[in-house]
Amino acid sequence: TCVGGGVSKLLPQLVGLTQARRLLYLGDKLHGPEAARIGLALASYPQAQLMAEAQTLAERLAKQAPVSMAMLKPLVNRSAHTSMESQLQQEL
């Protein structure tokens, strides 16, 4: 089957062309540690630690300035699809 949802565009941007080719052409399945190693996941934890690590991450995010976070999220999300000039203008 062929991929959908823009995976052929987004995956190379996330993990690089070589890793994207491997995953898409070969259909390799990823486990947490490898997904983290190639940059597809932030981190990988054993099941027993997962909730504690998620709670720690949530607490760290909650300590950030809400207005700054609200402004940063769309900027970062659009960054792969805009030029540097456009991105700099949006940061003002």
N, C-alpha and C. Protein backbone atom coordinates (compact mmCIF):
# COMPACT_ATOMS: atom_id res chain seq x y z
N THR A 1 0.84 -1.19 0.00
CA THR A 1 0.00 0.00 0.00
C THR A 1 0.87 1.24 0.00
N CYS A 2 0.31 2.32 -0.43
CA CYS A 2 1.03 3.59 -0.47
C CYS A 2 0.66 4.40 0.78
N VAL A 3 1.57 5.23 1.20
CA VAL A 3 1.33 6.06 2.39
C VAL A 3 0.39 7.20 2.03
N GLY A 4 -0.17 7.83 3.03
CA GLY A 4 -1.04 8.97 2.83
C GLY A 4 -0.82 10.01 3.90
N GLY A 5 -1.57 11.07 3.84
CA GLY A 5 -1.49 12.09 4.86
C GLY A 5 -0.23 12.93 4.84
N GLY A 6 0.47 12.93 3.71
CA GLY A 6 1.68 13.74 3.62
C GLY A 6 2.92 13.10 4.20
N VAL A 7 2.85 11.82 4.53
CA VAL A 7 4.00 11.14 5.14
C VAL A 7 5.25 11.24 4.27
N SER A 8 5.08 11.13 2.94
CA SER A 8 6.24 11.17 2.06
C SER A 8 6.91 12.54 2.06
N LYS A 9 6.22 13.57 2.47
CA LYS A 9 6.80 14.92 2.60
C LYS A 9 7.32 15.16 4.01
N LEU A 10 6.54 14.77 5.00
CA LEU A 10 6.88 15.11 6.38
C LEU A 10 7.96 14.22 6.98
N LEU A 11 7.93 12.93 6.70
CA LEU A 11 8.89 12.03 7.33
C LEU A 11 10.34 12.39 6.99
N PRO A 12 10.69 12.69 5.73
CA PRO A 12 12.07 13.09 5.45
C PRO A 12 12.47 14.36 6.20
N GLN A 13 11.53 15.27 6.41
CA GLN A 13 11.84 16.48 7.17
C GLN A 13 12.11 16.16 8.63
N LEU A 14 11.44 15.16 9.15
CA LEU A 14 11.59 14.81 10.56
C LEU A 14 12.83 13.98 10.85
N VAL A 15 13.10 13.00 9.99
CA VAL A 15 14.18 12.05 10.30
C VAL A 15 15.30 12.03 9.28
N GLY A 16 15.18 12.82 8.23
CA GLY A 16 16.19 12.82 7.17
C GLY A 16 15.82 11.84 6.06
N LEU A 17 16.38 12.08 4.90
CA LEU A 17 16.02 11.31 3.71
C LEU A 17 16.40 9.84 3.83
N THR A 18 17.58 9.55 4.35
CA THR A 18 18.03 8.16 4.44
C THR A 18 17.11 7.33 5.34
N GLN A 19 16.82 7.83 6.53
CA GLN A 19 15.95 7.09 7.45
C GLN A 19 14.52 7.00 6.90
N ALA A 20 14.05 8.07 6.26
CA ALA A 20 12.70 8.05 5.69
C ALA A 20 12.61 6.99 4.59
N ARG A 21 13.62 6.92 3.75
CA ARG A 21 13.62 5.90 2.70
C ARG A 21 13.57 4.50 3.31
N ARG A 22 14.39 4.28 4.31
CA ARG A 22 14.41 2.95 4.95
C ARG A 22 13.03 2.60 5.49
N LEU A 23 12.44 3.52 6.21
CA LEU A 23 11.13 3.25 6.82
C LEU A 23 10.04 3.08 5.77
N LEU A 24 10.03 3.93 4.76
CA LEU A 24 8.97 3.88 3.76
C LEU A 24 9.15 2.74 2.77
N TYR A 25 10.36 2.54 2.28
CA TYR A 25 10.60 1.51 1.27
C TYR A 25 10.54 0.11 1.85
N LEU A 26 11.07 -0.05 3.05
CA LEU A 26 11.15 -1.39 3.65
C LEU A 26 10.01 -1.70 4.61
N GLY A 27 9.28 -0.68 5.02
CA GLY A 27 8.19 -0.91 5.96
C GLY A 27 8.66 -1.31 7.34
N ASP A 28 9.90 -0.92 7.68
CA ASP A 28 10.43 -1.28 8.99
C ASP A 28 9.56 -0.70 10.11
N LYS A 29 9.37 -1.47 11.15
CA LYS A 29 8.64 -1.01 12.32
C LYS A 29 9.66 -0.48 13.32
N LEU A 30 9.28 0.57 14.00
CA LEU A 30 10.16 1.19 14.99
C LEU A 30 9.67 0.90 16.39
N HIS A 31 10.60 0.68 17.27
CA HIS A 31 10.31 0.62 18.70
C HIS A 31 10.81 1.92 19.30
N GLY A 32 10.38 2.21 20.48
CA GLY A 32 10.67 3.48 21.14
C GLY A 32 12.11 3.93 21.10
N PRO A 33 13.07 3.10 21.51
CA PRO A 33 14.46 3.57 21.53
C PRO A 33 14.96 4.02 20.15
N GLU A 34 14.62 3.28 19.11
CA GLU A 34 15.09 3.69 17.78
C GLU A 34 14.36 4.94 17.30
N ALA A 35 13.07 5.04 17.59
CA ALA A 35 12.33 6.25 17.21
C ALA A 35 12.96 7.48 17.86
N ALA A 36 13.39 7.36 19.10
CA ALA A 36 14.06 8.47 19.78
C ALA A 36 15.44 8.72 19.16
N ARG A 37 16.15 7.67 18.84
CA ARG A 37 17.49 7.81 18.27
C ARG A 37 17.48 8.56 16.95
N ILE A 38 16.49 8.31 16.10
CA ILE A 38 16.46 8.98 14.80
C ILE A 38 15.68 10.29 14.81
N GLY A 39 15.17 10.68 15.97
CA GLY A 39 14.51 11.97 16.09
C GLY A 39 13.02 11.96 15.83
N LEU A 40 12.42 10.81 15.73
CA LEU A 40 10.98 10.73 15.50
C LEU A 40 10.20 10.84 16.81
N ALA A 41 10.85 10.54 17.91
CA ALA A 41 10.25 10.68 19.24
C ALA A 41 11.20 11.48 20.11
N LEU A 42 10.66 12.18 21.07
CA LEU A 42 11.48 12.97 21.98
C LEU A 42 12.36 12.09 22.85
N ALA A 43 11.79 11.00 23.34
CA ALA A 43 12.52 10.08 24.21
C ALA A 43 11.78 8.76 24.25
N SER A 44 12.42 7.78 24.85
CA SER A 44 11.80 6.47 25.03
C SER A 44 12.08 6.01 26.45
N TYR A 45 11.05 5.52 27.11
CA TYR A 45 11.20 5.08 28.49
C TYR A 45 10.58 3.70 28.67
N PRO A 46 11.09 2.93 29.62
CA PRO A 46 10.43 1.67 29.96
C PRO A 46 9.01 1.94 30.46
N GLN A 47 8.13 1.01 30.24
CA GLN A 47 6.72 1.16 30.62
C GLN A 47 6.57 1.61 32.08
N ALA A 48 7.39 1.06 32.97
CA ALA A 48 7.27 1.39 34.39
C ALA A 48 7.58 2.86 34.68
N GLN A 49 8.39 3.50 33.84
CA GLN A 49 8.77 4.90 34.05
C GLN A 49 7.93 5.88 33.25
N LEU A 50 7.15 5.39 32.32
CA LEU A 50 6.50 6.25 31.34
C LEU A 50 5.63 7.33 31.95
N MET A 51 4.75 6.99 32.86
CA MET A 51 3.85 7.99 33.44
C MET A 51 4.61 9.04 34.25
N ALA A 52 5.62 8.62 34.99
CA ALA A 52 6.41 9.57 35.77
C ALA A 52 7.14 10.55 34.85
N GLU A 53 7.71 10.04 33.77
CA GLU A 53 8.42 10.90 32.82
C GLU A 53 7.45 11.84 32.11
N ALA A 54 6.27 11.34 31.76
CA ALA A 54 5.26 12.19 31.13
C ALA A 54 4.81 13.30 32.08
N GLN A 55 4.66 12.96 33.35
CA GLN A 55 4.27 13.95 34.36
C GLN A 55 5.35 15.02 34.51
N THR A 56 6.61 14.60 34.53
CA THR A 56 7.72 15.55 34.63
C THR A 56 7.72 16.50 33.44
N LEU A 57 7.54 15.96 32.25
CA LEU A 57 7.51 16.79 31.04
C LEU A 57 6.34 17.76 31.09
N ALA A 58 5.17 17.28 31.50
CA ALA A 58 3.99 18.15 31.60
C ALA A 58 4.22 19.28 32.61
N GLU A 59 4.86 18.97 33.72
CA GLU A 59 5.15 19.99 34.73
C GLU A 59 6.12 21.04 34.19
N ARG A 60 7.12 20.59 33.45
CA ARG A 60 8.08 21.54 32.85
C ARG A 60 7.38 22.46 31.85
N LEU A 61 6.53 21.87 31.02
CA LEU A 61 5.79 22.68 30.04
C LEU A 61 4.87 23.68 30.73
N ALA A 62 4.23 23.25 31.81
CA ALA A 62 3.29 24.11 32.53
C ALA A 62 3.98 25.31 33.16
N LYS A 63 5.28 25.22 33.42
CA LYS A 63 6.03 26.32 34.02
C LYS A 63 6.43 27.39 33.00
N GLN A 64 6.27 27.10 31.72
CA GLN A 64 6.64 28.06 30.70
C GLN A 64 5.60 29.18 30.62
N ALA A 65 6.02 30.33 30.14
CA ALA A 65 5.12 31.48 30.01
C ALA A 65 4.02 31.16 28.99
N PRO A 66 2.75 31.22 29.39
CA PRO A 66 1.65 30.83 28.50
C PRO A 66 1.58 31.64 27.20
N VAL A 67 1.79 32.94 27.28
CA VAL A 67 1.71 33.77 26.08
C VAL A 67 2.84 33.42 25.12
N SER A 68 4.03 33.23 25.65
CA SER A 68 5.16 32.85 24.79
C SER A 68 4.91 31.50 24.13
N MET A 69 4.40 30.56 24.89
CA MET A 69 4.11 29.24 24.32
C MET A 69 3.04 29.34 23.23
N ALA A 70 2.02 30.13 23.47
CA ALA A 70 0.95 30.30 22.48
C ALA A 70 1.48 30.91 21.20
N MET A 71 2.46 31.78 21.30
CA MET A 71 3.05 32.40 20.12
C MET A 71 4.05 31.46 19.43
N LEU A 72 4.79 30.71 20.21
CA LEU A 72 5.82 29.83 19.65
C LEU A 72 5.25 28.63 18.89
N LYS A 73 4.19 28.06 19.40
CA LYS A 73 3.66 26.82 18.79
C LYS A 73 3.36 26.97 17.31
N PRO A 74 2.58 27.97 16.87
CA PRO A 74 2.33 28.08 15.43
C PRO A 74 3.59 28.44 14.64
N LEU A 75 4.48 29.23 15.23
CA LEU A 75 5.73 29.56 14.54
C LEU A 75 6.55 28.32 14.24
N VAL A 76 6.71 27.48 15.24
CA VAL A 76 7.49 26.26 15.06
C VAL A 76 6.79 25.32 14.09
N ASN A 77 5.48 25.19 14.21
CA ASN A 77 4.73 24.29 13.34
C ASN A 77 4.80 24.70 11.88
N ARG A 78 4.86 25.99 11.60
CA ARG A 78 4.94 26.48 10.22
C ARG A 78 6.36 26.55 9.70
N SER A 79 7.36 26.43 10.53
CA SER A 79 8.74 26.71 10.15
C SER A 79 9.25 25.87 8.98
N ALA A 80 8.80 24.65 8.85
CA ALA A 80 9.27 23.79 7.76
C ALA A 80 8.67 24.20 6.42
N HIS A 81 7.65 25.02 6.44
CA HIS A 81 6.94 25.36 5.21
C HIS A 81 7.11 26.82 4.81
N THR A 82 7.96 27.55 5.50
CA THR A 82 8.13 28.96 5.19
C THR A 82 9.60 29.26 4.96
N SER A 83 9.85 30.35 4.27
CA SER A 83 11.23 30.79 4.04
C SER A 83 11.77 31.43 5.31
N MET A 84 13.08 31.59 5.36
CA MET A 84 13.70 32.25 6.52
C MET A 84 13.18 33.68 6.64
N GLU A 85 13.07 34.37 5.52
CA GLU A 85 12.58 35.76 5.55
C GLU A 85 11.17 35.83 6.13
N SER A 86 10.31 34.95 5.67
CA SER A 86 8.94 34.92 6.18
C SER A 86 8.91 34.58 7.67
N GLN A 87 9.73 33.62 8.06
CA GLN A 87 9.78 33.21 9.46
C GLN A 87 10.26 34.37 10.34
N LEU A 88 11.27 35.09 9.88
CA LEU A 88 11.77 36.23 10.66
C LEU A 88 10.69 37.30 10.80
N GLN A 89 9.93 37.54 9.75
CA GLN A 89 8.85 38.53 9.82
C GLN A 89 7.78 38.10 10.82
N GLN A 90 7.48 36.82 10.83
CA GLN A 90 6.44 36.32 11.74
C GLN A 90 6.89 36.37 13.19
N GLU A 91 8.20 36.36 13.42
CA GLU A 91 8.71 36.41 14.80
C GLU A 91 8.62 37.80 15.40
N LEU A 92 8.43 38.81 14.58
CA LEU A 92 8.39 40.18 15.10
C LEU A 92 7.16 40.46 15.91
